[in-house]
């Protein structure tokens, strides 16, 4: 089986652990760029197409591209896509398998479909949470106690205020933190 993994440039960070696995199991090629022509060409080569993110790439590939015809199409929806207007622009009949990174994201997705009056009866859905391979990080050994760590790519959509509130509440319980 030939798999094409397509992703806009700069959004491929979640694929670092997935593509090596796919490459061990299948003939796999990746395209992480913003040139849709190259993505269409690669999709034409493949038996299965993986669209990372349900964003403008998924809109283009499902509505303006004939290269997905007859292919199995897997798409992964992270979270921002359900709030950005892309849901109503994608041709969901072109996608066979949709992966969500969390149950609440799936719930919001289906609420959006209902609001937009979009029915997708043949869509197979899965929840596969994002994970982090922490083996590449070294942590300083500490004595048991009040040591906290935060591991994330801190951005506005991740709710950094919640982190600040949590630390504030923790300090109210025990100021030694």
Foldseek 3Di string as FASTA:
>chain_A
DEEEEEEEAPPCPLCPVVVVVCVVVHRYDYDHHDDVVVVLVSLLVGQEYEYEALDPSQLCCQPPHPSLVNHAYEYEHEAVCLVPPSLVRGDLQSYQEYEYQDPVSVVSSVVSCVVVVHDDVRYHYYHHHRDDDCPVPDDDDDDPDPDDDDDDDDDVVVPVVVVVVVVVVVCVVPVVD
